[in-house]
Amino acid sequence: MNIPKELYRRFSSHRVAQFFLYLLFMSDNDGNIKTTLRQMAKDNELSTFRVSNMLKELKILGLCEIIRKQKGNKGGSVINICNYEFYND
């Protein structure tokens, strides 16, 4: 993984940086993560509200985007890591 130090300065907290690393490690070869807020909250021992806020921050920073939210009982999302190839080198 290639994570520049400058990137860490952009996060509001170390917890957000840790969450971004979690997303990188959970992503597939295309930089996509198919999961739910509940699962991400459980994996990181956070509330779903906190996970939602961290995703919003990452989206504002241009590090990820939510492609779609699944309809019905599934309630999951597909999150895409922007510039995934850069981090994966």
C-alpha atoms as a PDB file:
ATOM      1  CA  MET A   1       0.000   0.000   0.000  1.00  0.00           C
ATOM      2  CA  ASN A   2       1.161   3.484  -0.858  1.00  0.00           C
ATOM      3  CA  ILE A   3      -0.253   6.015   1.614  1.00  0.00           C
ATOM      4  CA  PRO A   4       1.431   9.457   1.606  1.00  0.00           C
ATOM      5  CA  LYS A   5       1.940  11.303   4.894  1.00  0.00           C
ATOM      6  CA  GLU A   6       0.207  14.364   3.460  1.00  0.00           C
ATOM      7  CA  LEU A   7      -3.008  12.378   3.306  1.00  0.00           C
ATOM      8  CA  TYR A   8      -3.035  11.857   7.089  1.00  0.00           C
ATOM      9  CA  ARG A   9      -2.930  15.605   7.669  1.00  0.00           C
ATOM     10  CA  ARG A  10      -6.219  15.975   5.795  1.00  0.00           C
ATOM     11  CA  PHE A  11      -8.177  13.705   8.169  1.00  0.00           C
ATOM     12  CA  SER A  12     -10.019  15.231  11.117  1.00  0.00           C
ATOM     13  CA  SER A  13      -8.822  12.421  13.415  1.00  0.00           C
ATOM     14  CA  HIS A  14      -6.695   9.306  13.531  1.00  0.00           C
ATOM     15  CA  ARG A  15      -9.897   7.264  13.734  1.00  0.00           C
ATOM     16  CA  VAL A  16     -10.947   8.520  10.282  1.00  0.00           C
ATOM     17  CA  ALA A  17      -7.513   7.582   8.910  1.00  0.00           C
ATOM     18  CA  GLN A  18      -7.883   4.129  10.447  1.00  0.00           C
ATOM     19  CA  PHE A  19     -11.336   3.789   8.882  1.00  0.00           C
ATOM     20  CA  PHE A  20      -9.938   4.729   5.462  1.00  0.00           C
ATOM     21  CA  LEU A  21      -7.272   2.017   5.835  1.00  0.00           C
ATOM     22  CA  TYR A  22     -10.027  -0.431   6.770  1.00  0.00           C
ATOM     23  CA  LEU A  23     -11.833   0.443   3.525  1.00  0.00           C
ATOM     24  CA  LEU A  24      -8.639  -0.021   1.512  1.00  0.00           C
ATOM     25  CA  PHE A  25      -8.016  -3.462   2.977  1.00  0.00           C
ATOM     26  CA  MET A  26     -11.662  -4.538   2.587  1.00  0.00           C
ATOM     27  CA  SER A  27     -11.885  -3.464  -1.058  1.00  0.00           C
ATOM     28  CA  ASP A  28     -11.725  -5.808  -4.022  1.00  0.00           C
ATOM     29  CA  ASN A  29      -9.211  -5.488  -6.875  1.00  0.00           C
ATOM     30  CA  ASP A  30     -11.214  -2.619  -8.395  1.00  0.00           C
ATOM     31  CA  GLY A  31     -11.395  -0.567  -5.183  1.00  0.00           C
ATOM     32  CA  ASN A  32     -15.039  -1.413  -4.435  1.00  0.00           C
ATOM     33  CA  ILE A  33     -16.486  -2.446  -1.089  1.00  0.00           C
ATOM     34  CA  LYS A  34     -19.911  -4.071  -0.935  1.00  0.00           C
ATOM     35  CA  THR A  35     -21.152  -3.854   2.632  1.00  0.00           C
ATOM     36  CA  THR A  36     -23.604  -2.232   5.028  1.00  0.00           C
ATOM     37  CA  LEU A  37     -23.256   0.536   7.581  1.00  0.00           C
ATOM     38  CA  ARG A  38     -24.017  -1.990  10.303  1.00  0.00           C
ATOM     39  CA  GLN A  39     -21.255  -4.319   9.188  1.00  0.00           C
ATOM     40  CA  MET A  40     -18.699  -1.515   8.968  1.00  0.00           C
ATOM     41  CA  ALA A  41     -19.764  -0.277  12.417  1.00  0.00           C
ATOM     42  CA  LYS A  42     -19.441  -3.771  13.866  1.00  0.00           C
ATOM     43  CA  ASP A  43     -16.023  -4.346  12.256  1.00  0.00           C
ATOM     44  CA  ASN A  44     -14.691  -1.052  13.643  1.00  0.00           C
ATOM     45  CA  GLU A  45     -16.563  -1.036  16.975  1.00  0.00           C
ATOM     46  CA  LEU A  46     -18.323   2.220  16.091  1.00  0.00           C
ATOM     47  CA  SER A  47     -21.900   3.416  15.847  1.00  0.00           C
ATOM     48  CA  THR A  48     -23.587   3.494  12.455  1.00  0.00           C
ATOM     49  CA  PHE A  49     -23.936   7.271  12.915  1.00  0.00           C
ATOM     50  CA  ARG A  50     -20.144   7.634  13.311  1.00  0.00           C
ATOM     51  CA  VAL A  51     -19.494   5.413  10.276  1.00  0.00           C
ATOM     52  CA  SER A  52     -21.907   7.496   8.227  1.00  0.00           C
ATOM     53  CA  ASN A  53     -20.130  10.705   9.286  1.00  0.00           C
ATOM     54  CA  MET A  54     -16.714   9.257   8.440  1.00  0.00           C
ATOM     55  CA  LEU A  55     -17.955   8.202   5.000  1.00  0.00           C
ATOM     56  CA  LYS A  56     -19.239  11.746   4.440  1.00  0.00           C
ATOM     57  CA  GLU A  57     -15.829  13.158   5.414  1.00  0.00           C
ATOM     58  CA  LEU A  58     -14.013  10.767   3.081  1.00  0.00           C
ATOM     59  CA  LYS A  59     -16.425  11.697   0.303  1.00  0.00           C
ATOM     60  CA  ILE A  60     -15.827  15.430   0.866  1.00  0.00           C
ATOM     61  CA  LEU A  61     -12.057  14.809   0.763  1.00  0.00           C
ATOM     62  CA  GLY A  62     -12.543  13.050  -2.577  1.00  0.00           C
ATOM     63  CA  LEU A  63     -11.223   9.714  -1.315  1.00  0.00           C
ATOM     64  CA  CYS A  64     -14.337   7.635  -1.901  1.00  0.00           C
ATOM     65  CA  GLU A  65     -17.805   7.740  -3.360  1.00  0.00           C
ATOM     66  CA  ILE A  66     -20.961   5.810  -2.653  1.00  0.00           C
ATOM     67  CA  ILE A  67     -22.053   4.343  -5.946  1.00  0.00           C
ATOM     68  CA  ARG A  68     -25.471   3.072  -4.901  1.00  0.00           C
ATOM     69  CA  LYS A  69     -27.521   1.971  -1.981  1.00  0.00           C
ATOM     70  CA  GLN A  70     -29.257  -1.342  -2.430  1.00  0.00           C
ATOM     71  CA  LYS A  71     -33.019  -1.289  -2.132  1.00  0.00           C
ATOM     72  CA  GLY A  72     -35.195  -3.503   0.015  1.00  0.00           C
ATOM     73  CA  ASN A  73     -34.090  -5.470   3.047  1.00  0.00           C
ATOM     74  CA  LYS A  74     -30.423  -5.605   2.050  1.00  0.00           C
ATOM     75  CA  GLY A  75     -29.695  -1.947   2.828  1.00  0.00           C
ATOM     76  CA  GLY A  76     -26.089  -2.218   1.676  1.00  0.00           C
ATOM     77  CA  SER A  77     -23.910   0.141  -0.276  1.00  0.00           C
ATOM     78  CA  VAL A  78     -21.177  -0.096  -2.850  1.00  0.00           C
ATOM     79  CA  ILE A  79     -18.339   2.219  -1.894  1.00  0.00           C
ATOM     80  CA  ASN A  80     -15.678   3.034  -4.453  1.00  0.00           C
ATOM     81  CA  ILE A  81     -12.181   4.130  -3.389  1.00  0.00           C
ATOM     82  CA  CYS A  82     -11.185   6.980  -5.703  1.00  0.00           C
ATOM     83  CA  ASN A  83      -7.730   6.571  -7.297  1.00  0.00           C
ATOM     84  CA  TYR A  84      -7.461   3.050  -5.879  1.00  0.00           C
ATOM     85  CA  GLU A  85      -4.582   2.224  -8.228  1.00  0.00           C
ATOM     86  CA  PHE A  86      -2.468   4.933  -6.551  1.00  0.00           C
ATOM     87  CA  TYR A  87      -2.893   3.361  -3.090  1.00  0.00           C
ATOM     88  CA  ASN A  88      -2.457  -0.182  -4.383  1.00  0.00           C
ATOM     89  CA  ASP A  89       0.978   0.384  -5.972  1.00  0.00           C
END
